[in-house]
C-alpha atoms as a PDB file:
ATOM      1  CA  MET A   1      79.825 120.860 101.370  1.00  0.00           C
ATOM      2  CA  PRO A   2      79.594 122.736  98.030  1.00  0.00           C
ATOM      3  CA  ARG A   3      76.500 122.221  95.915  1.00  0.00           C
ATOM      4  CA  CYS A   4      76.849 120.428  92.592  1.00  0.00           C
ATOM      5  CA  ALA A   5      75.886 122.491  89.583  1.00  0.00           C
ATOM      6  CA  ARG A   6      72.836 121.198  87.742  1.00  0.00           C
ATOM      7  CA  THR A   7      73.241 120.032  84.178  1.00  0.00           C
ATOM      8  CA  ILE A   8      70.727 121.872  82.005  1.00  0.00           C
ATOM      9  CA  TYR A   9      70.748 121.985  78.217  1.00  0.00           C
ATOM     10  CA  PRO A  10      68.403 124.476  76.527  1.00  0.00           C
ATOM     11  CA  GLY A  11      65.781 122.609  74.525  1.00  0.00           C
ATOM     12  CA  VAL A  12      66.247 119.302  76.379  1.00  0.00           C
ATOM     13  CA  ALA A  13      63.391 118.059  78.582  1.00  0.00           C
ATOM     14  CA  VAL A  14      63.904 117.903  82.350  1.00  0.00           C
ATOM     15  CA  HIS A  15      62.105 115.839  84.981  1.00  0.00           C
ATOM     16  CA  VAL A  16      61.807 117.880  88.177  1.00  0.00           C
ATOM     17  CA  ILE A  17      60.704 116.793  91.628  1.00  0.00           C
ATOM     18  CA  GLN A  18      60.295 118.995  94.677  1.00  0.00           C
ATOM     19  CA  ARG A  19      59.392 117.519  98.046  1.00  0.00           C
ATOM     20  CA  GLY A  20      57.850 118.972 101.153  1.00  0.00           C
ATOM     21  CA  ASN A  21      60.146 119.575 104.107  1.00  0.00           C
ATOM     22  CA  ASN A  22      60.618 116.339 106.078  1.00  0.00           C
ATOM     23  CA  ARG A  23      58.261 114.731 103.546  1.00  0.00           C
ATOM     24  CA  GLY A  24      55.490 116.915 104.975  1.00  0.00           C
ATOM     25  CA  ARG A  25      52.379 118.082 103.125  1.00  0.00           C
ATOM     26  CA  CYS A  26      52.604 120.773 100.457  1.00  0.00           C
ATOM     27  CA  PHE A  27      48.867 121.008  99.743  1.00  0.00           C
ATOM     28  CA  PHE A  28      46.185 121.317 102.407  1.00  0.00           C
ATOM     29  CA  ALA A  29      43.069 122.069 100.327  1.00  0.00           C
ATOM     30  CA  ASP A  30      41.910 122.010  96.707  1.00  0.00           C
ATOM     31  CA  SER A  31      42.419 125.770  96.589  1.00  0.00           C
ATOM     32  CA  ASP A  32      46.135 125.201  97.233  1.00  0.00           C
ATOM     33  CA  HIS A  33      46.453 122.993  94.144  1.00  0.00           C
ATOM     34  CA  LEU A  34      44.705 125.669  92.084  1.00  0.00           C
ATOM     35  CA  ALA A  35      46.993 128.381  93.434  1.00  0.00           C
ATOM     36  CA  TYR A  36      50.102 126.321  92.683  1.00  0.00           C
ATOM     37  CA  LEU A  37      48.941 125.712  89.117  1.00  0.00           C
ATOM     38  CA  ARG A  38      48.231 129.423  88.629  1.00  0.00           C
ATOM     39  CA  TYR A  39      51.738 130.290  89.786  1.00  0.00           C
ATOM     40  CA  LEU A  40      53.223 127.507  87.661  1.00  0.00           C
ATOM     41  CA  THR A  41      51.416 128.794  84.573  1.00  0.00           C
ATOM     42  CA  GLU A  42      52.530 132.373  85.191  1.00  0.00           C
ATOM     43  CA  PHE A  43      56.161 131.738  86.053  1.00  0.00           C
ATOM     44  CA  SER A  44      56.778 128.985  83.487  1.00  0.00           C
ATOM     45  CA  ARG A  45      55.844 131.466  80.767  1.00  0.00           C
ATOM     46  CA  GLU A  46      57.931 134.251  82.269  1.00  0.00           C
ATOM     47  CA  ALA A  47      60.966 131.970  82.600  1.00  0.00           C
ATOM     48  CA  GLY A  48      60.626 130.405  79.139  1.00  0.00           C
ATOM     49  CA  CYS A  49      60.042 126.921  80.493  1.00  0.00           C
ATOM     50  CA  PRO A  50      57.127 125.113  78.775  1.00  0.00           C
ATOM     51  CA  VAL A  51      55.454 122.460  80.955  1.00  0.00           C
ATOM     52  CA  HIS A  52      54.521 119.158  79.298  1.00  0.00           C
ATOM     53  CA  ALA A  53      53.306 117.099  82.265  1.00  0.00           C
ATOM     54  CA  TYR A  54      52.753 117.501  85.993  1.00  0.00           C
ATOM     55  CA  CYS A  55      51.432 115.710  89.048  1.00  0.00           C
ATOM     56  CA  LEU A  56      50.745 117.409  92.367  1.00  0.00           C
ATOM     57  CA  MET A  57      50.938 114.826  95.135  1.00  0.00           C
ATOM     58  CA  SER A  58      50.155 115.571  98.769  1.00  0.00           C
ATOM     59  CA  ASN A  59      53.802 116.016  99.776  1.00  0.00           C
ATOM     60  CA  HIS A  60      55.704 116.485  96.518  1.00  0.00           C
ATOM     61  CA  VAL A  61      55.433 117.697  92.938  1.00  0.00           C
ATOM     62  CA  HIS A  62      56.546 116.179  89.618  1.00  0.00           C
ATOM     63  CA  LEU A  63      57.073 118.297  86.496  1.00  0.00           C
ATOM     64  CA  LEU A  64      58.253 117.583  82.961  1.00  0.00           C
ATOM     65  CA  LEU A  65      59.403 120.747  81.259  1.00  0.00           C
ATOM     66  CA  THR A  66      61.814 122.066  78.663  1.00  0.00           C
ATOM     67  CA  PRO A  67      63.934 125.116  79.594  1.00  0.00           C
ATOM     68  CA  ARG A  68      64.727 127.470  76.735  1.00  0.00           C
ATOM     69  CA  THR A  69      67.893 128.747  78.438  1.00  0.00           C
ATOM     70  CA  GLU A  70      70.313 127.309  80.983  1.00  0.00           C
ATOM     71  CA  GLU A  71      68.743 129.528  83.661  1.00  0.00           C
ATOM     72  CA  SER A  72      65.063 128.980  82.819  1.00  0.00           C
ATOM     73  CA  CYS A  73      64.450 126.010  85.103  1.00  0.00           C
ATOM     74  CA  ALA A  74      66.150 127.559  88.128  1.00  0.00           C
ATOM     75  CA  ILE A  75      64.319 130.861  87.640  1.00  0.00           C
ATOM     76  CA  LEU A  76      60.980 129.085  87.360  1.00  0.00           C
ATOM     77  CA  MET A  77      61.471 126.949  90.458  1.00  0.00           C
ATOM     78  CA  LYS A  78      62.761 129.877  92.537  1.00  0.00           C
ATOM     79  CA  ASN A  79      59.813 132.140  91.703  1.00  0.00           C
ATOM     80  CA  LEU A  80      57.275 129.317  91.941  1.00  0.00           C
ATOM     81  CA  GLY A  81      58.587 128.082  95.271  1.00  0.00           C
ATOM     82  CA  GLN A  82      58.811 131.503  96.897  1.00  0.00           C
ATOM     83  CA  HIS A  83      55.374 132.708  95.821  1.00  0.00           C
ATOM     84  CA  TYR A  84      53.648 129.447  96.709  1.00  0.00           C
ATOM     85  CA  VAL A  85      55.224 129.324 100.180  1.00  0.00           C
ATOM     86  CA  GLN A  86      54.123 132.910 100.814  1.00  0.00           C
ATOM     87  CA  TYR A  87      50.609 131.971  99.709  1.00  0.00           C
ATOM     88  CA  VAL A  88      50.439 128.870 101.929  1.00  0.00           C
ATOM     89  CA  ASN A  89      51.824 130.670 104.971  1.00  0.00           C
ATOM     90  CA  ARG A  90      49.347 133.522 104.540  1.00  0.00           C
ATOM     91  CA  VAL A  91      46.268 131.388 103.888  1.00  0.00           C
ATOM     92  CA  HIS A  92      46.981 128.710 106.484  1.00  0.00           C
ATOM     93  CA  SER A  93      48.465 130.994 109.167  1.00  0.00           C
ATOM     94  CA  ARG A  94      51.785 129.192 109.253  1.00  0.00           C
ATOM     95  CA  THR A  95      55.436 130.240 109.161  1.00  0.00           C
ATOM     96  CA  GLY A  96      58.710 128.803 107.987  1.00  0.00           C
ATOM     97  CA  THR A  97      59.801 126.721 105.063  1.00  0.00           C
ATOM     98  CA  LEU A  98      57.625 124.368 103.052  1.00  0.00           C
ATOM     99  CA  TRP A  99      60.096 122.720 100.696  1.00  0.00           C
ATOM    100  CA  GLU A 100      62.902 120.256 101.367  1.00  0.00           C
ATOM    101  CA  GLY A 101      65.851 122.275 100.094  1.00  0.00           C
ATOM    102  CA  ARG A 102      66.510 122.540  96.385  1.00  0.00           C
ATOM    103  CA  PHE A 103      64.463 120.767  93.780  1.00  0.00           C
ATOM    104  CA  ARG A 104      65.965 117.673  92.139  1.00  0.00           C
ATOM    105  CA  SER A 105      66.082 117.049  88.411  1.00  0.00           C
ATOM    106  CA  CYS A 106      67.413 114.943  85.563  1.00  0.00           C
ATOM    107  CA  LEU A 107      67.629 115.307  81.790  1.00  0.00           C
ATOM    108  CA  ALA A 108      65.415 113.217  79.517  1.00  0.00           C
ATOM    109  CA  THR A 109      67.824 112.870  76.618  1.00  0.00           C
ATOM    110  CA  SER A 110      65.830 110.826  74.098  1.00  0.00           C
ATOM    111  CA  GLU A 111      62.317 110.126  72.862  1.00  0.00           C
ATOM    112  CA  HIS A 112      62.271 106.959  74.956  1.00  0.00           C
ATOM    113  CA  TYR A 113      63.030 108.820  78.168  1.00  0.00           C
ATOM    114  CA  VAL A 114      60.689 111.739  77.436  1.00  0.00           C
ATOM    115  CA  LEU A 115      57.753 109.339  77.080  1.00  0.00           C
ATOM    116  CA  ALA A 116      58.929 107.352  80.096  1.00  0.00           C
ATOM    117  CA  CYS A 117      58.857 110.540  82.189  1.00  0.00           C
ATOM    118  CA  TYR A 118      55.373 111.411  80.925  1.00  0.00           C
ATOM    119  CA  ARG A 119      54.168 107.973  82.032  1.00  0.00           C
ATOM    120  CA  TYR A 120      56.126 107.987  85.290  1.00  0.00           C
ATOM    121  CA  ILE A 121      54.685 111.358  86.301  1.00  0.00           C
ATOM    122  CA  GLU A 122      51.047 110.763  85.400  1.00  0.00           C
ATOM    123  CA  ARG A 123      50.962 107.259  86.895  1.00  0.00           C
ATOM    124  CA  ASN A 124      52.445 108.386  90.193  1.00  0.00           C
ATOM    125  CA  PRO A 125      49.068 108.393  92.042  1.00  0.00           C
ATOM    126  CA  VAL A 126      48.453 104.830  90.807  1.00  0.00           C
ATOM    127  CA  ARG A 127      51.844 103.611  92.075  1.00  0.00           C
ATOM    128  CA  ALA A 128      51.053 105.316  95.391  1.00  0.00           C
ATOM    129  CA  THR A 129      47.757 103.352  95.498  1.00  0.00           C
ATOM    130  CA  MET A 130      45.802 106.593  95.796  1.00  0.00           C
ATOM    131  CA  VAL A 131      43.672 105.805  92.732  1.00  0.00           C
ATOM    132  CA  ALA A 132      43.054 102.842  90.445  1.00  0.00           C
ATOM    133  CA  HIS A 133      43.661 104.730  87.188  1.00  0.00           C
ATOM    134  CA  PRO A 134      45.393 107.988  86.193  1.00  0.00           C
ATOM    135  CA  SER A 135      42.062 109.439  85.043  1.00  0.00           C
ATOM    136  CA  ASP A 136      40.793 109.203  88.626  1.00  0.00           C
ATOM    137  CA  TYR A 137      43.363 111.708  89.896  1.00  0.00           C
ATOM    138  CA  HIS A 138      42.384 115.329  89.399  1.00  0.00           C
ATOM    139  CA  TRP A 139      45.699 117.090  90.027  1.00  0.00           C
ATOM    140  CA  SER A 140      47.745 115.865  87.077  1.00  0.00           C
ATOM    141  CA  SER A 141      48.111 116.571  83.373  1.00  0.00           C
ATOM    142  CA  TYR A 142      46.583 113.221  82.367  1.00  0.00           C
ATOM    143  CA  GLY A 143      43.248 114.873  81.606  1.00  0.00           C
ATOM    144  CA  ALA A 144      44.905 117.211  79.107  1.00  0.00           C
ATOM    145  CA  ASN A 145      47.327 114.756  77.532  1.00  0.00           C
ATOM    146  CA  ALA A 146      45.107 111.669  77.350  1.00  0.00           C
ATOM    147  CA  LEU A 147      41.559 113.006  77.409  1.00  0.00           C
ATOM    148  CA  GLY A 148      41.821 116.367  75.676  1.00  0.00           C
ATOM    149  CA  ARG A 149      40.605 118.439  78.609  1.00  0.00           C
ATOM    150  CA  GLY A 150      41.484 122.107  78.386  1.00  0.00           C
ATOM    151  CA  ASP A 151      44.583 123.018  80.386  1.00  0.00           C
ATOM    152  CA  THR A 152      46.278 126.297  79.505  1.00  0.00           C
ATOM    153  CA  LEU A 153      49.400 125.245  81.405  1.00  0.00           C
ATOM    154  CA  ILE A 154      50.280 122.320  79.124  1.00  0.00           C
ATOM    155  CA  GLU A 155      52.432 122.744  76.022  1.00  0.00           C
ATOM    156  CA  PRO A 156      52.951 119.373  74.283  1.00  0.00           C
ATOM    157  CA  HIS A 157      56.502 118.152  73.778  1.00  0.00           C
ATOM    158  CA  PRO A 158      57.454 117.355  70.137  1.00  0.00           C
ATOM    159  CA  VAL A 159      57.779 113.675  71.079  1.00  0.00           C
ATOM    160  CA  TYR A 160      54.164 113.670  72.283  1.00  0.00           C
ATOM    161  CA  LEU A 161      53.040 115.442  69.099  1.00  0.00           C
ATOM    162  CA  GLY A 162      54.845 112.787  67.067  1.00  0.00           C
ATOM    163  CA  LEU A 163      52.680 109.983  68.431  1.00  0.00           C
ATOM    164  CA  ALA A 164      50.070 110.688  65.728  1.00  0.00           C
ATOM    165  CA  GLN A 165      49.154 113.498  63.356  1.00  0.00           C
ATOM    166  CA  ASP A 166      45.467 113.589  64.293  1.00  0.00           C
ATOM    167  CA  PRO A 167      44.948 115.002  67.842  1.00  0.00           C
ATOM    168  CA  ALA A 168      42.210 112.508  68.753  1.00  0.00           C
ATOM    169  CA  ARG A 169      44.312 109.581  67.550  1.00  0.00           C
ATOM    170  CA  ARG A 170      47.334 111.008  69.382  1.00  0.00           C
ATOM    171  CA  ARG A 171      45.436 111.066  72.668  1.00  0.00           C
ATOM    172  CA  LEU A 172      44.339 107.461  72.163  1.00  0.00           C
ATOM    173  CA  VAL A 173      47.913 106.337  71.491  1.00  0.00           C
ATOM    174  CA  TYR A 174      49.121 108.238  74.526  1.00  0.00           C
ATOM    175  CA  ALA A 175      46.364 106.904  76.787  1.00  0.00           C
ATOM    176  CA  ASP A 176      47.307 103.387  75.734  1.00  0.00           C
ATOM    177  CA  LEU A 177      50.952 104.046  76.680  1.00  0.00           C
ATOM    178  CA  VAL A 178      49.981 105.346  80.109  1.00  0.00           C
ATOM    179  CA  GLU A 179      47.905 102.265  80.892  1.00  0.00           C
ATOM    180  CA  LEU A 180      51.138 100.741  82.202  1.00  0.00           C
ATOM    181  CA  ASP A 181      54.168 102.053  84.063  1.00  0.00           C
ATOM    182  CA  PRO A 182      57.526 102.088  82.331  1.00  0.00           C
ATOM    183  CA  ASP A 183      59.424  98.873  82.986  1.00  0.00           C
ATOM    184  CA  ARG A 184      60.889  98.471  86.456  1.00  0.00           C
ATOM    185  CA  ASN A 185      64.455  99.216  85.359  1.00  0.00           C
ATOM    186  CA  THR A 186      63.358 102.487  83.761  1.00  0.00           C
ATOM    187  CA  VAL A 187      61.356 103.501  86.842  1.00  0.00           C
ATOM    188  CA  ASP A 188      64.395 102.835  89.031  1.00  0.00           C
ATOM    189  CA  GLU A 189      66.606 104.743  86.602  1.00  0.00           C
ATOM    190  CA  ILE A 190      64.298 107.787  86.639  1.00  0.00           C
ATOM    191  CA  ARG A 191      64.332 107.801  90.433  1.00  0.00           C
ATOM    192  CA  SER A 192      68.099 107.420  90.671  1.00  0.00           C
ATOM    193  CA  ALA A 193      68.862 109.974  87.952  1.00  0.00           C
ATOM    194  CA  THR A 194      66.515 112.540  89.496  1.00  0.00           C
ATOM    195  CA  ARG A 195      67.884 111.962  92.984  1.00  0.00           C
ATOM    196  CA  ASN A 196      71.510 112.246  91.833  1.00  0.00           C
ATOM    197  CA  GLY A 197      71.135 114.798  89.049  1.00  0.00           C
ATOM    198  CA  TYR A 198      72.493 112.905  86.048  1.00  0.00           C
ATOM    199  CA  ALA A 199      71.032 112.467  82.569  1.00  0.00           C
ATOM    200  CA  LEU A 200      68.779 109.503  81.948  1.00  0.00           C
ATOM    201  CA  GLY A 201      70.746 106.963  79.947  1.00  0.00           C
ATOM    202  CA  ALA A 202      74.115 108.248  81.150  1.00  0.00           C
ATOM    203  CA  LYS A 203      74.862 105.226  83.358  1.00  0.00           C
ATOM    204  CA  ARG A 204      73.807 102.825  80.635  1.00  0.00           C
ATOM    205  CA  ALA A 205      76.131 104.593  78.207  1.00  0.00           C
ATOM    206  CA  ASN A 206      79.024 104.179  80.653  1.00  0.00           C
ATOM    207  CA  ARG A 207      78.493 100.450  81.161  1.00  0.00           C
ATOM    208  CA  GLY A 208      81.376  98.441  79.818  1.00  0.00           C
ATOM    209  CA  ARG A 209      83.741 101.412  79.670  1.00  0.00           C
ATOM    210  CA  ARG A 210      86.896 101.383  81.745  1.00  0.00           C
ATOM    211  CA  PRO A 211      87.048 104.025  84.527  1.00  0.00           C
ATOM    212  CA  ALA A 212      89.974 105.737  82.780  1.00  0.00           C
ATOM    213  CA  GLU A 213      87.917 106.096  79.597  1.00  0.00           C
ATOM    214  CA  ARG A 214      85.039 107.678  81.500  1.00  0.00           C
ATOM    215  CA  GLN A 215      87.381 110.043  83.305  1.00  0.00           C
ATOM    216  CA  GLU A 216      89.150 111.132  80.124  1.00  0.00           C
ATOM    217  CA  ASP A 217      85.883 111.787  78.331  1.00  0.00           C
ATOM    218  CA  GLY A 218      84.999 115.236  79.655  1.00  0.00           C
ATOM    219  CA  ARG A 219      82.014 115.733  77.390  1.00  0.00           C
ATOM    220  CA  GLY A 220      78.478 116.143  78.637  1.00  0.00           C
ATOM    221  CA  PRO A 221      75.804 113.528  77.882  1.00  0.00           C
ATOM    222  CA  HIS A 222      74.889 112.908  74.271  1.00  0.00           C
ATOM    223  CA  ILE A 223      71.525 114.527  73.584  1.00  0.00           C
ATOM    224  CA  SER A 224      69.414 112.573  71.147  1.00  0.00           C
ATOM    225  CA  HIS A 225      66.290 114.270  69.837  1.00  0.00           C
ATOM    226  CA  GLY A 226      65.256 111.214  67.867  1.00  0.00           C
ATOM    227  CA  ASP A 227      65.826 107.936  69.629  1.00  0.00           C
ATOM    228  CA  LYS A 228      64.752 105.392  66.982  1.00  0.00           C
END
């Protein structure tokens, strides 16, 4: 069965998830998390793909990033995946694949969805009942985005920067947002859009339209950089 082409728009944020093969572990020691983050820092810069948020779970990875070209995201994930697998196989004396096929992704096409993805990603360990609060989980970007800890990987998205002009105030506003998950409908929408590769908001935009209207409209999703 032919693969569906991913929809990537330069300058539009993307939520990416990559899972371990058969939902197996991707990280076996703290040193593995550090190695993955080193590779992510290196290859995100080479590919022109700034990273805004991340969470490294035991058997999958969440990223929020903005590709500068249509190829940036694919180049990043290819180089990152290959180098990390080689590292894991060498260090842990294993062979074979680590990842479950291709990564999955969806576009975050508005301010609302960009912030929802930030929250969804950094609260993932809380939803998984691994920790009581995002600050308790070491392998995410919450420390950088909410607490101001140094993290050379993170490049803030303009929507995050727009939360407040003063950096300290901005972190407080952001931390308050991340105290709660996005609403249940938005969480389900992020999961479905990422699994199926469509833009967040696309299904809502199609509600109420006749099938013929949707079929005749061959345009891609409307990209809003300022969802008021």
